Amino acid sequence: MDNRVIEIRKRLKKKLDPLRFEHTLGVSYTCQALAMRYGYDLDKAELAGLLHDCAKRYDNATMLEKCKRKGIDITDSEYTDPSLLHAKLGAWMAKEKYGIEDEEIADAIRCHTTGRTGMTLLDKILYVADYIEPRRYKAEDLPEMRRLSFIDLDQACLSIMDSVLNYLKSKNCPIDPLTQAARDDMKTVVERNRQKEDVKDEPVKRYGTARSRSFGGEKRRRHKNH
């Protein structure tokens, strides 16, 4: 375990409201579980999970003001819905307030709400963990998403992105272009994965067919000889 984890937990417990802190712990544990499943560094996954919502201690107006003051880029979507800024501000806080120098962790925190094109393994782990952690209960597709997440992480990302986009459309909510771009990119990744699987399966199919024909021919030869 990273030596900073205990201290970070203590600080977060003081800063976040109880439900947000419980969510944070759930995401952290789920990140570690997914890291074990997909062979990623457990300490980095835990830190990303712990700090992904560290900026949620602030209300929207405060986050907007802080991002302006810190020179953090703000998109039109974020001006419309400043709650999205907790990801960018959280990445800044992880580095400046909690001493996280690892850019991969900061990047995962930065994109955990919208996703991004070219997502890393840690990006995907955090994005999925934030959706499926044990304290979540509102989404109807949670049981399926939880099952899928430990079978095919890329497909789980795509399915969650589709679910989020469908929900936003149903509520006539504005959709951040980054979310749509991330979804389209993930769809490409999933399709590419399927093509690779088809290519890998093809020799097996050929071998199986060849063996079947050979076995049939051998049976006919033995029958003829008798």
Protein backbone atom coordinates (compact mmCIF):
# COMPACT_ATOMS: atom_id res chain seq x y z
CA MET A 1 0.00 0.00 0.00
CA ASP A 2 1.18 3.52 -0.82
CA ASN A 3 2.21 5.22 2.44
CA ARG A 4 0.16 8.32 1.56
CA VAL A 5 -3.17 6.51 1.44
CA ILE A 6 -4.01 6.62 5.16
CA GLU A 7 -3.27 10.33 5.44
CA ILE A 8 -5.23 11.12 2.28
CA ARG A 9 -8.23 9.19 3.62
CA LYS A 10 -8.10 11.19 6.86
CA ARG A 11 -7.99 14.48 5.01
CA LEU A 12 -10.80 13.54 2.65
CA LYS A 13 -13.02 12.41 5.52
CA LYS A 14 -12.75 15.90 6.99
CA LYS A 15 -13.33 17.69 3.69
CA LEU A 16 -16.11 15.66 2.01
CA ASP A 17 -19.66 15.10 3.16
CA PRO A 18 -20.30 11.56 4.53
CA LEU A 19 -22.05 10.20 1.42
CA ARG A 20 -19.37 11.58 -0.91
CA PHE A 21 -16.66 10.07 1.29
CA GLU A 22 -18.38 6.66 1.22
CA HIS A 23 -18.62 6.92 -2.57
CA THR A 24 -14.93 7.80 -2.69
CA LEU A 25 -13.99 4.69 -0.71
CA GLY A 26 -16.23 2.56 -2.93
CA VAL A 27 -14.57 3.88 -6.09
CA SER A 28 -11.12 3.35 -4.59
CA TYR A 29 -11.84 -0.28 -3.69
CA THR A 30 -13.44 -0.95 -7.07
CA CYS A 31 -10.45 0.58 -8.84
CA GLN A 32 -8.21 -1.87 -7.00
CA ALA A 33 -10.46 -4.81 -7.88
CA LEU A 34 -10.40 -3.86 -11.56
CA ALA A 35 -6.63 -3.30 -11.38
CA MET A 36 -6.22 -6.86 -10.07
CA ARG A 37 -8.43 -8.18 -12.87
CA TYR A 38 -6.61 -6.33 -15.66
CA GLY A 39 -3.05 -6.40 -14.33
CA TYR A 40 -2.63 -2.74 -13.40
CA ASP A 41 -0.70 -1.13 -10.52
CA LEU A 42 -2.91 -1.37 -7.41
CA ASP A 43 -1.41 1.64 -5.63
CA LYS A 44 -1.95 3.98 -8.56
CA ALA A 45 -5.49 2.70 -9.05
CA GLU A 46 -6.24 3.25 -5.35
CA LEU A 47 -4.90 6.81 -5.37
CA ALA A 48 -6.87 7.70 -8.50
CA GLY A 49 -10.04 6.37 -6.88
CA LEU A 50 -9.43 8.18 -3.61
CA LEU A 51 -8.82 11.56 -5.19
CA HIS A 52 -11.19 11.51 -8.17
CA ASP A 53 -13.84 13.59 -6.35
CA CYS A 54 -11.59 15.60 -4.03
CA ALA A 55 -12.88 18.86 -5.57
CA LYS A 56 -16.49 17.94 -4.77
CA ARG A 57 -16.03 19.73 -1.45
CA TYR A 58 -16.78 22.96 -3.35
CA ASP A 59 -20.04 24.19 -4.85
CA ASN A 60 -20.27 25.00 -8.55
CA ALA A 61 -19.69 28.74 -8.21
CA THR A 62 -16.57 28.17 -6.12
CA MET A 63 -15.18 25.61 -8.56
CA LEU A 64 -15.72 28.00 -11.45
CA GLU A 65 -13.98 30.82 -9.60
CA LYS A 66 -11.06 28.61 -8.58
CA CYS A 67 -10.56 27.27 -12.10
CA LYS A 68 -10.46 30.80 -13.45
CA ARG A 69 -7.96 31.83 -10.80
CA LYS A 70 -5.73 28.79 -11.36
CA GLY A 71 -5.74 29.23 -15.14
CA ILE A 72 -7.55 25.94 -15.73
CA ASP A 73 -9.16 25.80 -19.16
CA ILE A 74 -12.97 26.03 -19.07
CA THR A 75 -15.09 24.84 -22.01
CA ASP A 76 -18.50 26.15 -23.01
CA SER A 77 -20.07 22.97 -21.60
CA GLU A 78 -18.35 23.58 -18.27
CA TYR A 79 -19.57 27.17 -18.14
CA THR A 80 -23.07 25.80 -18.72
CA ASP A 81 -22.63 23.03 -16.13
CA PRO A 82 -19.80 23.96 -13.72
CA SER A 83 -20.21 20.66 -11.84
CA LEU A 84 -18.14 19.10 -14.62
CA LEU A 85 -15.18 21.17 -13.43
CA HIS A 86 -14.66 18.98 -10.37
CA ALA A 87 -12.65 16.60 -12.58
CA LYS A 88 -10.19 19.24 -13.82
CA LEU A 89 -9.97 20.98 -10.48
CA GLY A 90 -9.58 17.62 -8.78
CA ALA A 91 -6.61 16.77 -11.00
CA TRP A 92 -5.01 20.09 -10.07
CA MET A 93 -5.69 19.49 -6.37
CA ALA A 94 -4.30 15.95 -6.52
CA LYS A 95 -0.99 17.40 -7.66
CA GLU A 96 -0.86 20.67 -5.72
CA LYS A 97 -2.64 19.75 -2.48
CA TYR A 98 -2.03 16.01 -2.14
CA GLY A 99 1.40 15.69 -3.69
CA ILE A 100 0.51 13.34 -6.54
CA GLU A 101 3.18 13.81 -9.17
CA ASP A 102 2.16 10.91 -11.40
CA GLU A 103 0.66 12.40 -14.57
CA GLU A 104 -1.22 9.20 -15.38
CA ILE A 105 -3.17 9.49 -12.13
CA ALA A 106 -3.86 13.18 -12.72
CA ASP A 107 -5.01 12.50 -16.28
CA ALA A 108 -7.39 9.75 -15.13
CA ILE A 109 -8.93 12.11 -12.55
CA ARG A 110 -9.19 14.86 -15.16
CA CYS A 111 -11.23 12.73 -17.59
CA HIS A 112 -13.20 10.52 -15.22
CA THR A 113 -16.48 12.37 -15.84
CA THR A 114 -16.44 12.81 -19.62
CA GLY A 115 -13.92 10.23 -20.75
CA ARG A 116 -11.55 11.15 -23.55
CA THR A 117 -10.19 9.80 -26.81
CA GLY A 118 -7.29 7.37 -26.43
CA MET A 119 -8.15 6.39 -22.87
CA THR A 120 -5.42 4.61 -20.91
CA LEU A 121 -6.04 1.51 -18.81
CA LEU A 122 -6.18 3.65 -15.65
CA ASP A 123 -8.60 6.06 -17.35
CA LYS A 124 -10.92 3.15 -18.09
CA ILE A 125 -10.57 1.63 -14.63
CA LEU A 126 -11.51 4.89 -12.90
CA TYR A 127 -14.29 5.74 -15.36
CA VAL A 128 -15.93 2.33 -14.89
CA ALA A 129 -15.34 2.17 -11.12
CA ASP A 130 -17.07 5.53 -10.67
CA TYR A 131 -20.18 4.06 -12.30
CA ILE A 132 -20.31 0.58 -10.75
CA GLU A 133 -18.95 1.05 -7.20
CA PRO A 134 -21.06 -0.72 -4.53
CA ARG A 135 -22.79 2.42 -3.22
CA ARG A 136 -24.32 3.20 -6.60
CA TYR A 137 -27.91 2.05 -6.94
CA LYS A 138 -29.96 4.29 -9.24
CA ALA A 139 -29.02 3.08 -12.73
CA GLU A 140 -31.18 0.16 -13.88
CA ASP A 141 -28.33 -1.43 -15.82
CA LEU A 142 -25.94 -1.64 -12.85
CA PRO A 143 -26.06 -5.46 -12.41
CA GLU A 144 -25.15 -6.01 -16.06
CA MET A 145 -22.47 -3.28 -16.04
CA ARG A 146 -20.88 -4.74 -12.92
CA ARG A 147 -20.74 -8.17 -14.51
CA LEU A 148 -19.43 -6.87 -17.84
CA SER A 149 -16.74 -4.73 -16.20
CA PHE A 150 -14.84 -7.80 -15.07
CA ILE A 151 -15.17 -9.53 -18.43
CA ASP A 152 -14.46 -6.84 -21.05
CA LEU A 153 -13.36 -3.41 -19.78
CA ASP A 154 -13.53 -1.70 -23.18
CA GLN A 155 -17.05 -2.95 -23.83
CA ALA A 156 -18.04 -1.88 -20.31
CA CYS A 157 -16.72 1.63 -21.00
CA LEU A 158 -18.66 1.83 -24.24
CA SER A 159 -21.86 0.51 -22.66
CA ILE A 160 -21.61 2.98 -19.78
CA MET A 161 -20.96 5.86 -22.17
CA ASP A 162 -24.01 4.88 -24.22
CA SER A 163 -26.09 4.64 -21.05
CA VAL A 164 -24.96 8.09 -19.89
CA LEU A 165 -25.61 9.68 -23.28
CA ASN A 166 -29.07 8.10 -23.52
CA TYR A 167 -29.90 9.40 -20.06
CA LEU A 168 -28.73 12.93 -20.89
CA LYS A 169 -30.73 12.92 -24.12
CA SER A 170 -33.85 11.70 -22.33
CA LYS A 171 -33.55 14.63 -19.89
CA ASN A 172 -32.75 17.14 -22.66
CA CYS A 173 -29.45 17.89 -20.93
CA PRO A 174 -26.56 19.40 -22.88
CA ILE A 175 -23.93 16.87 -23.92
CA ASP A 176 -20.27 17.73 -23.56
CA PRO A 177 -18.52 17.21 -26.93
CA LEU A 178 -15.73 15.38 -25.07
CA THR A 179 -18.22 12.74 -23.94
CA GLN A 180 -19.47 12.12 -27.48
CA ALA A 181 -15.92 12.03 -28.85
CA ALA A 182 -14.86 9.60 -26.12
CA ARG A 183 -17.82 7.34 -26.89
CA ASP A 184 -17.12 7.33 -30.63
CA ASP A 185 -13.45 6.55 -30.00
CA MET A 186 -14.33 3.73 -27.59
CA LYS A 187 -16.69 2.24 -30.17
CA THR A 188 -13.76 2.15 -32.61
CA VAL A 189 -11.62 0.43 -29.96
CA VAL A 190 -14.29 -2.22 -29.29
CA GLU A 191 -14.77 -2.90 -33.00
CA ARG A 192 -11.00 -3.21 -33.45
CA ASN A 193 -10.86 -5.67 -30.56
CA ARG A 194 -13.55 -7.78 -32.19
CA GLN A 195 -11.68 -7.82 -35.48
CA LYS A 196 -8.54 -8.99 -33.69
CA GLU A 197 -10.51 -11.77 -31.98
CA ASP A 198 -11.94 -12.86 -35.32
CA VAL A 199 -8.44 -13.03 -36.81
CA LYS A 200 -7.19 -15.07 -33.84
CA ASP A 201 -10.13 -17.46 -34.10
CA GLU A 202 -9.73 -18.05 -37.83
CA PRO A 203 -6.70 -20.41 -37.64
CA VAL A 204 -8.53 -22.42 -34.99
CA LYS A 205 -11.51 -22.75 -37.27
CA ARG A 206 -9.30 -23.78 -40.18
CA TYR A 207 -7.38 -26.27 -38.07
CA GLY A 208 -10.58 -27.72 -36.70
CA THR A 209 -12.01 -28.12 -40.22
CA ALA A 210 -8.80 -29.65 -41.52
CA ARG A 211 -8.62 -32.07 -38.63
CA SER A 212 -12.25 -33.04 -39.14
CA ARG A 213 -11.63 -33.75 -42.83
CA SER A 214 -8.48 -35.70 -42.07
CA PHE A 215 -10.26 -37.79 -39.45
CA GLY A 216 -13.10 -38.47 -41.90
CA GLY A 217 -10.66 -39.49 -44.61
CA GLU A 218 -8.86 -41.83 -42.22
CA LYS A 219 -12.17 -43.47 -41.31
CA ARG A 220 -12.98 -44.02 -44.97
CA ARG A 221 -9.54 -45.51 -45.64
CA ARG A 222 -9.85 -47.89 -42.72
CA HIS A 223 -13.33 -48.91 -43.85
CA LYS A 224 -12.05 -49.58 -47.38
CA ASN A 225 -9.12 -51.67 -46.15
CA HIS A 226 -11.48 -53.93 -44.22
